[in-house]
Amino acid sequence: MARLYLHYSDKYDVMEDLQQELLKELERYVKHVQPLDAFQTLKMGQLYQPFIKVITCIKEHAPAFRMLLGEQGSPSFTQKVKMIFGSHILDRLSLIRKEAQDPEFQQYLQAFIASAILGVIQEWLDKGNENLTVEEMVALHFRLIRFLGNVVGTI
């Protein structure tokens, strides 16, 4: 254990390294999420594999994500996670929907998307991961999206 600490100058250095590793790994999986493909997969009643990998990554590192995203966690880490989800998905949506190219709209769409995804993940982590599997978590995300789409379709 002492050997581990020779590499770091203090506990903040350890935390910074942990955060950077988690963010890099999360981004590696998020970049494969294609919203259009995800919606097509959803329409076929299947689970979207790239998003399963995202949720699997989070579950594999659940104690660290729970600590960093929790009430006593790191606000800057939370913002970086939101940025990863929001900017990647917004970039993809901007390619397929002209409305998503409006800069003012983009700002709020990115905040909405990132907060929705992260909010569901935080709720899952707060419950200790015991009640939902990765597949159930992915299905829940898309069930929520479908529900919102249906509600909006009735307006």
C-alpha atoms as a PDB file:
ATOM      1  CA  MET A   1       0.000   0.000   0.000  1.00  0.00           C
ATOM      2  CA  ALA A   2       2.825   2.416   0.780  1.00  0.00           C
ATOM      3  CA  ARG A   3       4.099   1.844  -2.723  1.00  0.00           C
ATOM      4  CA  LEU A   4       0.845   3.235  -4.143  1.00  0.00           C
ATOM      5  CA  TYR A   5       1.322   6.486  -2.274  1.00  0.00           C
ATOM      6  CA  LEU A   6       4.876   6.979  -3.536  1.00  0.00           C
ATOM      7  CA  HIS A   7       3.329   7.811  -6.901  1.00  0.00           C
ATOM      8  CA  TYR A   8       1.033  10.505  -5.467  1.00  0.00           C
ATOM      9  CA  SER A   9       1.884  13.663  -3.574  1.00  0.00           C
ATOM     10  CA  ASP A  10      -1.333  13.730  -1.506  1.00  0.00           C
ATOM     11  CA  LYS A  11      -4.901  12.402  -1.280  1.00  0.00           C
ATOM     12  CA  TYR A  12      -6.120  15.055  -3.717  1.00  0.00           C
ATOM     13  CA  ASP A  13      -3.656  13.781  -6.297  1.00  0.00           C
ATOM     14  CA  VAL A  14      -5.094  10.272  -5.834  1.00  0.00           C
ATOM     15  CA  MET A  15      -8.651  11.584  -6.251  1.00  0.00           C
ATOM     16  CA  GLU A  16      -7.743  13.584  -9.347  1.00  0.00           C
ATOM     17  CA  ASP A  17      -6.150  10.523 -10.936  1.00  0.00           C
ATOM     18  CA  LEU A  18      -9.184   8.368 -10.075  1.00  0.00           C
ATOM     19  CA  GLN A  19     -11.533  10.944 -11.588  1.00  0.00           C
ATOM     20  CA  GLN A  20      -9.506  11.229 -14.786  1.00  0.00           C
ATOM     21  CA  GLU A  21      -9.380   7.450 -15.219  1.00  0.00           C
ATOM     22  CA  LEU A  22     -13.145   7.124 -14.716  1.00  0.00           C
ATOM     23  CA  LEU A  23     -13.876   9.978 -17.121  1.00  0.00           C
ATOM     24  CA  LYS A  24     -11.592   8.534 -19.804  1.00  0.00           C
ATOM     25  CA  GLU A  25     -13.178   5.105 -19.536  1.00  0.00           C
ATOM     26  CA  LEU A  26     -16.711   6.507 -19.536  1.00  0.00           C
ATOM     27  CA  GLU A  27     -15.983   8.668 -22.575  1.00  0.00           C
ATOM     28  CA  ARG A  28     -14.517   5.678 -24.401  1.00  0.00           C
ATOM     29  CA  TYR A  29     -17.926   3.969 -24.176  1.00  0.00           C
ATOM     30  CA  VAL A  30     -20.173   7.022 -24.571  1.00  0.00           C
ATOM     31  CA  LYS A  31     -18.549   7.961 -27.885  1.00  0.00           C
ATOM     32  CA  HIS A  32     -20.013   4.784 -29.426  1.00  0.00           C
ATOM     33  CA  VAL A  33     -23.601   5.774 -28.575  1.00  0.00           C
ATOM     34  CA  GLN A  34     -25.475   6.863 -31.704  1.00  0.00           C
ATOM     35  CA  PRO A  35     -28.916   8.281 -30.822  1.00  0.00           C
ATOM     36  CA  LEU A  36     -30.510   7.374 -34.169  1.00  0.00           C
ATOM     37  CA  ASP A  37     -29.317   3.767 -33.891  1.00  0.00           C
ATOM     38  CA  ALA A  38     -30.459   3.694 -30.277  1.00  0.00           C
ATOM     39  CA  PHE A  39     -33.976   4.824 -31.229  1.00  0.00           C
ATOM     40  CA  GLN A  40     -34.161   2.288 -34.071  1.00  0.00           C
ATOM     41  CA  THR A  41     -33.063  -0.476 -31.700  1.00  0.00           C
ATOM     42  CA  LEU A  42     -35.645   0.712 -29.189  1.00  0.00           C
ATOM     43  CA  LYS A  43     -38.396   0.568 -31.831  1.00  0.00           C
ATOM     44  CA  MET A  44     -37.451  -3.071 -32.485  1.00  0.00           C
ATOM     45  CA  GLY A  45     -37.869  -3.810 -28.784  1.00  0.00           C
ATOM     46  CA  GLN A  46     -34.186  -4.567 -28.246  1.00  0.00           C
ATOM     47  CA  LEU A  47     -31.583  -3.192 -25.886  1.00  0.00           C
ATOM     48  CA  TYR A  48     -28.956  -0.909 -27.383  1.00  0.00           C
ATOM     49  CA  GLN A  49     -25.549  -2.551 -26.908  1.00  0.00           C
ATOM     50  CA  PRO A  50     -23.359   0.595 -26.787  1.00  0.00           C
ATOM     51  CA  PHE A  51     -25.487   1.979 -23.951  1.00  0.00           C
ATOM     52  CA  ILE A  52     -25.277  -1.372 -22.152  1.00  0.00           C
ATOM     53  CA  LYS A  53     -21.490  -0.928 -22.243  1.00  0.00           C
ATOM     54  CA  VAL A  54     -21.818   2.581 -20.762  1.00  0.00           C
ATOM     55  CA  ILE A  55     -23.970   1.339 -17.886  1.00  0.00           C
ATOM     56  CA  THR A  56     -21.727  -1.709 -17.400  1.00  0.00           C
ATOM     57  CA  CYS A  57     -18.733   0.616 -17.053  1.00  0.00           C
ATOM     58  CA  ILE A  58     -20.561   2.598 -14.379  1.00  0.00           C
ATOM     59  CA  LYS A  59     -21.665  -0.545 -12.533  1.00  0.00           C
ATOM     60  CA  GLU A  60     -18.133  -1.981 -12.587  1.00  0.00           C
ATOM     61  CA  HIS A  61     -16.914   1.181 -10.868  1.00  0.00           C
ATOM     62  CA  ALA A  62     -20.090   1.799  -8.839  1.00  0.00           C
ATOM     63  CA  PRO A  63     -18.397   2.572  -5.494  1.00  0.00           C
ATOM     64  CA  ALA A  64     -16.219   5.270  -7.080  1.00  0.00           C
ATOM     65  CA  PHE A  65     -19.061   6.745  -9.167  1.00  0.00           C
ATOM     66  CA  ARG A  66     -21.382   6.648  -6.134  1.00  0.00           C
ATOM     67  CA  MET A  67     -18.811   8.510  -4.030  1.00  0.00           C
ATOM     68  CA  LEU A  68     -17.997  11.117  -6.694  1.00  0.00           C
ATOM     69  CA  LEU A  69     -21.581  11.715  -7.875  1.00  0.00           C
ATOM     70  CA  GLY A  70     -23.219  11.591  -4.426  1.00  0.00           C
ATOM     71  CA  GLU A  71     -24.256  14.464  -2.176  1.00  0.00           C
ATOM     72  CA  GLN A  72     -20.783  14.676  -0.641  1.00  0.00           C
ATOM     73  CA  GLY A  73     -19.118  14.069  -4.002  1.00  0.00           C
ATOM     74  CA  SER A  74     -17.312  16.247  -6.475  1.00  0.00           C
ATOM     75  CA  PRO A  75     -19.382  18.904  -8.260  1.00  0.00           C
ATOM     76  CA  SER A  76     -16.650  19.280 -10.887  1.00  0.00           C
ATOM     77  CA  PHE A  77     -16.705  15.530 -11.575  1.00  0.00           C
ATOM     78  CA  THR A  78     -20.497  15.648 -11.935  1.00  0.00           C
ATOM     79  CA  GLN A  79     -20.177  18.517 -14.429  1.00  0.00           C
ATOM     80  CA  LYS A  80     -17.562  16.619 -16.430  1.00  0.00           C
ATOM     81  CA  VAL A  81     -19.787  13.526 -16.598  1.00  0.00           C
ATOM     82  CA  LYS A  82     -22.680  15.715 -17.757  1.00  0.00           C
ATOM     83  CA  MET A  83     -20.423  17.252 -20.393  1.00  0.00           C
ATOM     84  CA  ILE A  84     -19.417  13.819 -21.696  1.00  0.00           C
ATOM     85  CA  PHE A  85     -23.027  12.688 -22.064  1.00  0.00           C
ATOM     86  CA  GLY A  86     -24.454  16.006 -23.175  1.00  0.00           C
ATOM     87  CA  SER A  87     -21.872  17.094 -25.713  1.00  0.00           C
ATOM     88  CA  HIS A  88     -21.526  13.698 -27.390  1.00  0.00           C
ATOM     89  CA  ILE A  89     -25.253  13.102 -27.741  1.00  0.00           C
ATOM     90  CA  LEU A  90     -25.879  16.714 -28.761  1.00  0.00           C
ATOM     91  CA  ASP A  91     -23.203  16.431 -31.463  1.00  0.00           C
ATOM     92  CA  ARG A  92     -24.963  13.373 -32.866  1.00  0.00           C
ATOM     93  CA  LEU A  93     -28.429  14.945 -32.657  1.00  0.00           C
ATOM     94  CA  SER A  94     -27.170  18.092 -34.392  1.00  0.00           C
ATOM     95  CA  LEU A  95     -26.287  15.954 -37.393  1.00  0.00           C
ATOM     96  CA  ILE A  96     -29.829  14.586 -37.722  1.00  0.00           C
ATOM     97  CA  ARG A  97     -32.055  17.444 -36.457  1.00  0.00           C
ATOM     98  CA  LYS A  98     -31.702  21.013 -37.743  1.00  0.00           C
ATOM     99  CA  GLU A  99     -33.431  22.360 -34.636  1.00  0.00           C
ATOM    100  CA  ALA A 100     -30.522  21.026 -32.535  1.00  0.00           C
ATOM    101  CA  GLN A 101     -28.158  23.367 -34.408  1.00  0.00           C
ATOM    102  CA  ASP A 102     -29.559  26.558 -32.833  1.00  0.00           C
ATOM    103  CA  PRO A 103     -26.864  27.640 -30.294  1.00  0.00           C
ATOM    104  CA  GLU A 104     -29.298  28.849 -27.640  1.00  0.00           C
ATOM    105  CA  PHE A 105     -31.436  25.727 -27.986  1.00  0.00           C
ATOM    106  CA  GLN A 106     -28.275  23.556 -27.904  1.00  0.00           C
ATOM    107  CA  GLN A 107     -27.251  24.940 -24.535  1.00  0.00           C
ATOM    108  CA  TYR A 108     -30.523  23.908 -22.916  1.00  0.00           C
ATOM    109  CA  LEU A 109     -30.901  20.668 -24.855  1.00  0.00           C
ATOM    110  CA  GLN A 110     -27.446  19.590 -23.712  1.00  0.00           C
ATOM    111  CA  ALA A 111     -28.303  20.439 -20.095  1.00  0.00           C
ATOM    112  CA  PHE A 112     -31.616  18.572 -20.375  1.00  0.00           C
ATOM    113  CA  ILE A 113     -30.116  15.440 -21.945  1.00  0.00           C
ATOM    114  CA  ALA A 114     -27.145  15.267 -19.595  1.00  0.00           C
ATOM    115  CA  SER A 115     -29.212  15.936 -16.475  1.00  0.00           C
ATOM    116  CA  ALA A 116     -31.812  13.348 -17.436  1.00  0.00           C
ATOM    117  CA  ILE A 117     -29.282  10.606 -18.127  1.00  0.00           C
ATOM    118  CA  LEU A 118     -27.157  11.409 -15.100  1.00  0.00           C
ATOM    119  CA  GLY A 119     -30.171  11.836 -12.826  1.00  0.00           C
ATOM    120  CA  VAL A 120     -31.385   8.317 -13.580  1.00  0.00           C
ATOM    121  CA  ILE A 121     -27.860   6.945 -13.074  1.00  0.00           C
ATOM    122  CA  GLN A 122     -27.483   8.791  -9.765  1.00  0.00           C
ATOM    123  CA  GLU A 123     -30.817   7.438  -8.551  1.00  0.00           C
ATOM    124  CA  TRP A 124     -29.655   3.929  -9.482  1.00  0.00           C
ATOM    125  CA  LEU A 125     -26.320   4.378  -7.695  1.00  0.00           C
ATOM    126  CA  ASP A 126     -27.993   5.878  -4.616  1.00  0.00           C
ATOM    127  CA  LYS A 127     -30.052   2.706  -4.306  1.00  0.00           C
ATOM    128  CA  GLY A 128     -26.857   0.644  -4.191  1.00  0.00           C
ATOM    129  CA  ASN A 129     -27.240  -1.109  -7.568  1.00  0.00           C
ATOM    130  CA  GLU A 130     -28.989  -4.062  -5.972  1.00  0.00           C
ATOM    131  CA  ASN A 131     -32.450  -3.572  -7.389  1.00  0.00           C
ATOM    132  CA  LEU A 132     -31.718  -3.255 -11.132  1.00  0.00           C
ATOM    133  CA  THR A 133     -29.361  -5.121 -13.452  1.00  0.00           C
ATOM    134  CA  VAL A 134     -27.453  -3.310 -16.194  1.00  0.00           C
ATOM    135  CA  GLU A 135     -29.992  -4.522 -18.764  1.00  0.00           C
ATOM    136  CA  GLU A 136     -32.919  -3.378 -16.616  1.00  0.00           C
ATOM    137  CA  MET A 137     -31.234  -0.005 -16.170  1.00  0.00           C
ATOM    138  CA  VAL A 138     -30.783   0.409 -19.930  1.00  0.00           C
ATOM    139  CA  ALA A 139     -34.388  -0.670 -20.513  1.00  0.00           C
ATOM    140  CA  LEU A 140     -35.528   1.887 -17.930  1.00  0.00           C
ATOM    141  CA  HIS A 141     -33.637   4.718 -19.662  1.00  0.00           C
ATOM    142  CA  PHE A 142     -35.295   3.900 -22.967  1.00  0.00           C
ATOM    143  CA  ARG A 143     -38.688   3.362 -21.322  1.00  0.00           C
ATOM    144  CA  LEU A 144     -38.408   6.895 -19.927  1.00  0.00           C
ATOM    145  CA  ILE A 145     -37.439   8.255 -23.355  1.00  0.00           C
ATOM    146  CA  ARG A 146     -40.343   6.427 -25.002  1.00  0.00           C
ATOM    147  CA  PHE A 147     -42.722   7.696 -22.300  1.00  0.00           C
ATOM    148  CA  LEU A 148     -41.611  11.304 -22.838  1.00  0.00           C
ATOM    149  CA  GLY A 149     -41.869  10.870 -26.606  1.00  0.00           C
ATOM    150  CA  ASN A 150     -45.421   9.560 -26.262  1.00  0.00           C
ATOM    151  CA  VAL A 151     -46.416  12.377 -23.906  1.00  0.00           C
ATOM    152  CA  VAL A 152     -44.953  15.000 -26.245  1.00  0.00           C
ATOM    153  CA  GLY A 153     -46.722  13.323 -29.163  1.00  0.00           C
ATOM    154  CA  THR A 154     -50.082  13.930 -27.458  1.00  0.00           C
ATOM    155  CA  ILE A 155     -49.496  17.650 -26.924  1.00  0.00           C
END
